[in-house]
Amino acid sequence: MHQLMVTWTDIFNGIGDLCTNGIFPILRALGHKPNILLGGIIVGLLFYWMYKIPQLNKEAEEKGTLK
């Protein structure tokens, strides 16, 4: 009976091949669009959090809990 033996080298080479042949060409084709999208999401979430902090502080003062 033949056993299948997978080594760590096979796993890491497989991950490298996936990135080289699968993911990187897609990212190259998209250009800066993913960077702009992720940056916009982060900035939007930061503005939301800055909007939310005063509300949470006011609620904490009213309830007498920690800020």
N, C-alpha and C. Protein backbone atom coordinates (compact mmCIF):
# COMPACT_ATOMS: atom_id res chain seq x y z
N MET A 1 0.84 -1.18 0.00
CA MET A 1 0.00 0.00 0.00
C MET A 1 0.89 1.24 0.00
N HIS A 2 0.56 2.18 -0.84
CA HIS A 2 1.34 3.40 -0.98
C HIS A 2 0.75 4.49 -0.08
N GLN A 3 1.59 5.07 0.77
CA GLN A 3 1.13 6.13 1.65
C GLN A 3 1.47 7.49 1.05
N LEU A 4 0.57 8.42 1.26
CA LEU A 4 0.80 9.79 0.81
C LEU A 4 1.56 10.51 1.91
N MET A 5 2.72 11.05 1.58
CA MET A 5 3.53 11.75 2.56
C MET A 5 3.68 13.20 2.12
N VAL A 6 3.18 14.10 2.94
CA VAL A 6 3.26 15.53 2.65
C VAL A 6 4.26 16.13 3.63
N THR A 7 5.24 16.83 3.12
CA THR A 7 6.25 17.45 3.97
C THR A 7 5.96 18.94 4.11
N TRP A 8 6.67 19.56 5.05
CA TRP A 8 6.51 21.00 5.23
C TRP A 8 6.97 21.74 3.98
N THR A 9 7.97 21.21 3.31
CA THR A 9 8.44 21.83 2.07
C THR A 9 7.33 21.84 1.02
N ASP A 10 6.59 20.74 0.92
CA ASP A 10 5.47 20.69 -0.02
C ASP A 10 4.42 21.74 0.32
N ILE A 11 4.15 21.90 1.60
CA ILE A 11 3.12 22.87 2.03
C ILE A 11 3.56 24.29 1.70
N PHE A 12 4.80 24.64 2.06
CA PHE A 12 5.26 26.01 1.81
C PHE A 12 5.44 26.28 0.32
N ASN A 13 5.90 25.30 -0.43
CA ASN A 13 5.98 25.48 -1.89
C ASN A 13 4.59 25.65 -2.49
N GLY A 14 3.61 24.94 -1.98
CA GLY A 14 2.24 25.09 -2.46
C GLY A 14 1.69 26.48 -2.18
N ILE A 15 1.96 26.99 -0.97
CA ILE A 15 1.51 28.35 -0.63
C ILE A 15 2.20 29.37 -1.55
N GLY A 16 3.50 29.18 -1.78
CA GLY A 16 4.23 30.09 -2.66
C GLY A 16 3.71 30.05 -4.09
N ASP A 17 3.41 28.86 -4.57
CA ASP A 17 2.86 28.73 -5.93
C ASP A 17 1.48 29.37 -6.04
N LEU A 18 0.67 29.20 -4.99
CA LEU A 18 -0.66 29.82 -4.99
C LEU A 18 -0.54 31.34 -5.07
N CYS A 19 0.36 31.90 -4.27
CA CYS A 19 0.52 33.35 -4.28
C CYS A 19 1.08 33.83 -5.62
N THR A 20 2.12 33.15 -6.10
CA THR A 20 2.79 33.57 -7.34
C THR A 20 1.89 33.45 -8.55
N ASN A 21 1.16 32.35 -8.65
CA ASN A 21 0.37 32.09 -9.86
C ASN A 21 -1.10 32.48 -9.73
N GLY A 22 -1.59 32.67 -8.51
CA GLY A 22 -3.02 32.91 -8.34
C GLY A 22 -3.36 34.29 -7.83
N ILE A 23 -2.72 34.70 -6.73
CA ILE A 23 -3.13 35.93 -6.06
C ILE A 23 -2.43 37.16 -6.63
N PHE A 24 -1.10 37.08 -6.82
CA PHE A 24 -0.35 38.25 -7.26
C PHE A 24 -0.78 38.77 -8.63
N PRO A 25 -1.05 37.91 -9.62
CA PRO A 25 -1.51 38.46 -10.90
C PRO A 25 -2.85 39.19 -10.79
N ILE A 26 -3.72 38.70 -9.92
CA ILE A 26 -5.01 39.37 -9.72
C ILE A 26 -4.79 40.74 -9.09
N LEU A 27 -3.94 40.80 -8.06
CA LEU A 27 -3.66 42.08 -7.41
C LEU A 27 -2.99 43.05 -8.37
N ARG A 28 -2.10 42.55 -9.21
CA ARG A 28 -1.43 43.41 -10.19
C ARG A 28 -2.46 43.99 -11.17
N ALA A 29 -3.43 43.18 -11.56
CA ALA A 29 -4.45 43.65 -12.50
C ALA A 29 -5.37 44.69 -11.86
N LEU A 30 -5.61 44.56 -10.56
CA LEU A 30 -6.49 45.51 -9.89
C LEU A 30 -5.82 46.85 -9.62
N GLY A 31 -4.51 46.88 -9.59
CA GLY A 31 -3.78 48.13 -9.36
C GLY A 31 -3.95 48.61 -7.93
N HIS A 32 -4.24 49.89 -7.78
CA HIS A 32 -4.36 50.49 -6.45
C HIS A 32 -5.79 50.46 -5.90
N LYS A 33 -6.71 49.89 -6.63
CA LYS A 33 -8.10 49.88 -6.17
C LYS A 33 -8.29 49.21 -4.81
N PRO A 34 -7.67 48.04 -4.53
CA PRO A 34 -7.83 47.46 -3.18
C PRO A 34 -7.25 48.35 -2.09
N ASN A 35 -6.13 49.02 -2.36
CA ASN A 35 -5.53 49.91 -1.37
C ASN A 35 -6.45 51.09 -1.06
N ILE A 36 -7.03 51.66 -2.10
CA ILE A 36 -7.94 52.79 -1.92
C ILE A 36 -9.19 52.35 -1.17
N LEU A 37 -9.73 51.19 -1.52
CA LEU A 37 -10.92 50.69 -0.84
C LEU A 37 -10.64 50.43 0.64
N LEU A 38 -9.55 49.75 0.95
CA LEU A 38 -9.22 49.46 2.34
C LEU A 38 -8.94 50.73 3.12
N GLY A 39 -8.22 51.67 2.50
CA GLY A 39 -7.96 52.95 3.16
C GLY A 39 -9.24 53.72 3.44
N GLY A 40 -10.17 53.71 2.49
CA GLY A 40 -11.45 54.39 2.69
C GLY A 40 -12.27 53.75 3.80
N ILE A 41 -12.24 52.43 3.89
CA ILE A 41 -12.96 51.74 4.97
C ILE A 41 -12.36 52.11 6.31
N ILE A 42 -11.03 52.13 6.40
CA ILE A 42 -10.37 52.46 7.67
C ILE A 42 -10.68 53.89 8.08
N VAL A 43 -10.60 54.83 7.15
CA VAL A 43 -10.89 56.23 7.46
C VAL A 43 -12.36 56.38 7.89
N GLY A 44 -13.26 55.70 7.19
CA GLY A 44 -14.67 55.76 7.56
C GLY A 44 -14.92 55.22 8.97
N LEU A 45 -14.29 54.12 9.31
CA LEU A 45 -14.45 53.55 10.65
C LEU A 45 -13.84 54.46 11.73
N LEU A 46 -12.72 55.11 11.41
CA LEU A 46 -12.14 56.06 12.37
C LEU A 46 -13.07 57.24 12.62
N PHE A 47 -13.65 57.78 11.55
CA PHE A 47 -14.60 58.88 11.74
C PHE A 47 -15.82 58.43 12.53
N TYR A 48 -16.31 57.23 12.28
CA TYR A 48 -17.45 56.71 13.04
C TYR A 48 -17.09 56.60 14.52
N TRP A 49 -15.89 56.09 14.81
CA TRP A 49 -15.49 55.93 16.20
C TRP A 49 -15.33 57.28 16.89
N MET A 50 -14.78 58.27 16.17
CA MET A 50 -14.65 59.61 16.75
C MET A 50 -16.02 60.23 17.00
N TYR A 51 -17.00 59.89 16.19
CA TYR A 51 -18.37 60.37 16.38
C TYR A 51 -19.01 59.67 17.58
N LYS A 52 -18.68 58.41 17.79
CA LYS A 52 -19.33 57.60 18.82
C LYS A 52 -18.74 57.84 20.22
N ILE A 53 -17.46 58.21 20.33
CA ILE A 53 -16.81 58.37 21.64
C ILE A 53 -17.54 59.36 22.54
N PRO A 54 -17.91 60.57 22.09
CA PRO A 54 -18.61 61.50 22.99
C PRO A 54 -19.95 60.94 23.49
N GLN A 55 -20.65 60.21 22.65
CA GLN A 55 -21.92 59.61 23.08
C GLN A 55 -21.68 58.59 24.18
N LEU A 56 -20.66 57.77 24.02
CA LEU A 56 -20.37 56.76 25.03
C LEU A 56 -19.88 57.38 26.33
N ASN A 57 -19.10 58.46 26.24
CA ASN A 57 -18.65 59.15 27.45
C ASN A 57 -19.81 59.77 28.20
N LYS A 58 -20.74 60.37 27.47
CA LYS A 58 -21.92 60.98 28.10
C LYS A 58 -22.77 59.91 28.78
N GLU A 59 -22.95 58.78 28.12
CA GLU A 59 -23.71 57.67 28.70
C GLU A 59 -23.02 57.13 29.95
N ALA A 60 -21.69 57.07 29.94
CA ALA A 60 -20.95 56.58 31.11
C ALA A 60 -21.08 57.54 32.27
N GLU A 61 -21.07 58.86 32.00
CA GLU A 61 -21.24 59.84 33.08
C GLU A 61 -22.63 59.76 33.68
N GLU A 62 -23.65 59.57 32.83
CA GLU A 62 -25.02 59.49 33.33
C GLU A 62 -25.24 58.26 34.20
N LYS A 63 -24.62 57.15 33.82
CA LYS A 63 -24.80 55.91 34.57
C LYS A 63 -23.79 55.76 35.70
N GLY A 64 -22.80 56.63 35.74
CA GLY A 64 -21.79 56.55 36.78
C GLY A 64 -20.83 55.39 36.60
N THR A 65 -20.62 54.97 35.37
CA THR A 65 -19.70 53.88 35.11
C THR A 65 -18.37 54.42 34.60
N LEU A 66 -17.45 53.55 34.34
CA LEU A 66 -16.14 53.94 33.85
C LEU A 66 -16.22 54.49 32.44
N LYS A 67 -15.34 55.45 32.15
CA LYS A 67 -15.27 56.00 30.79
C LYS A 67 -14.47 55.10 29.93
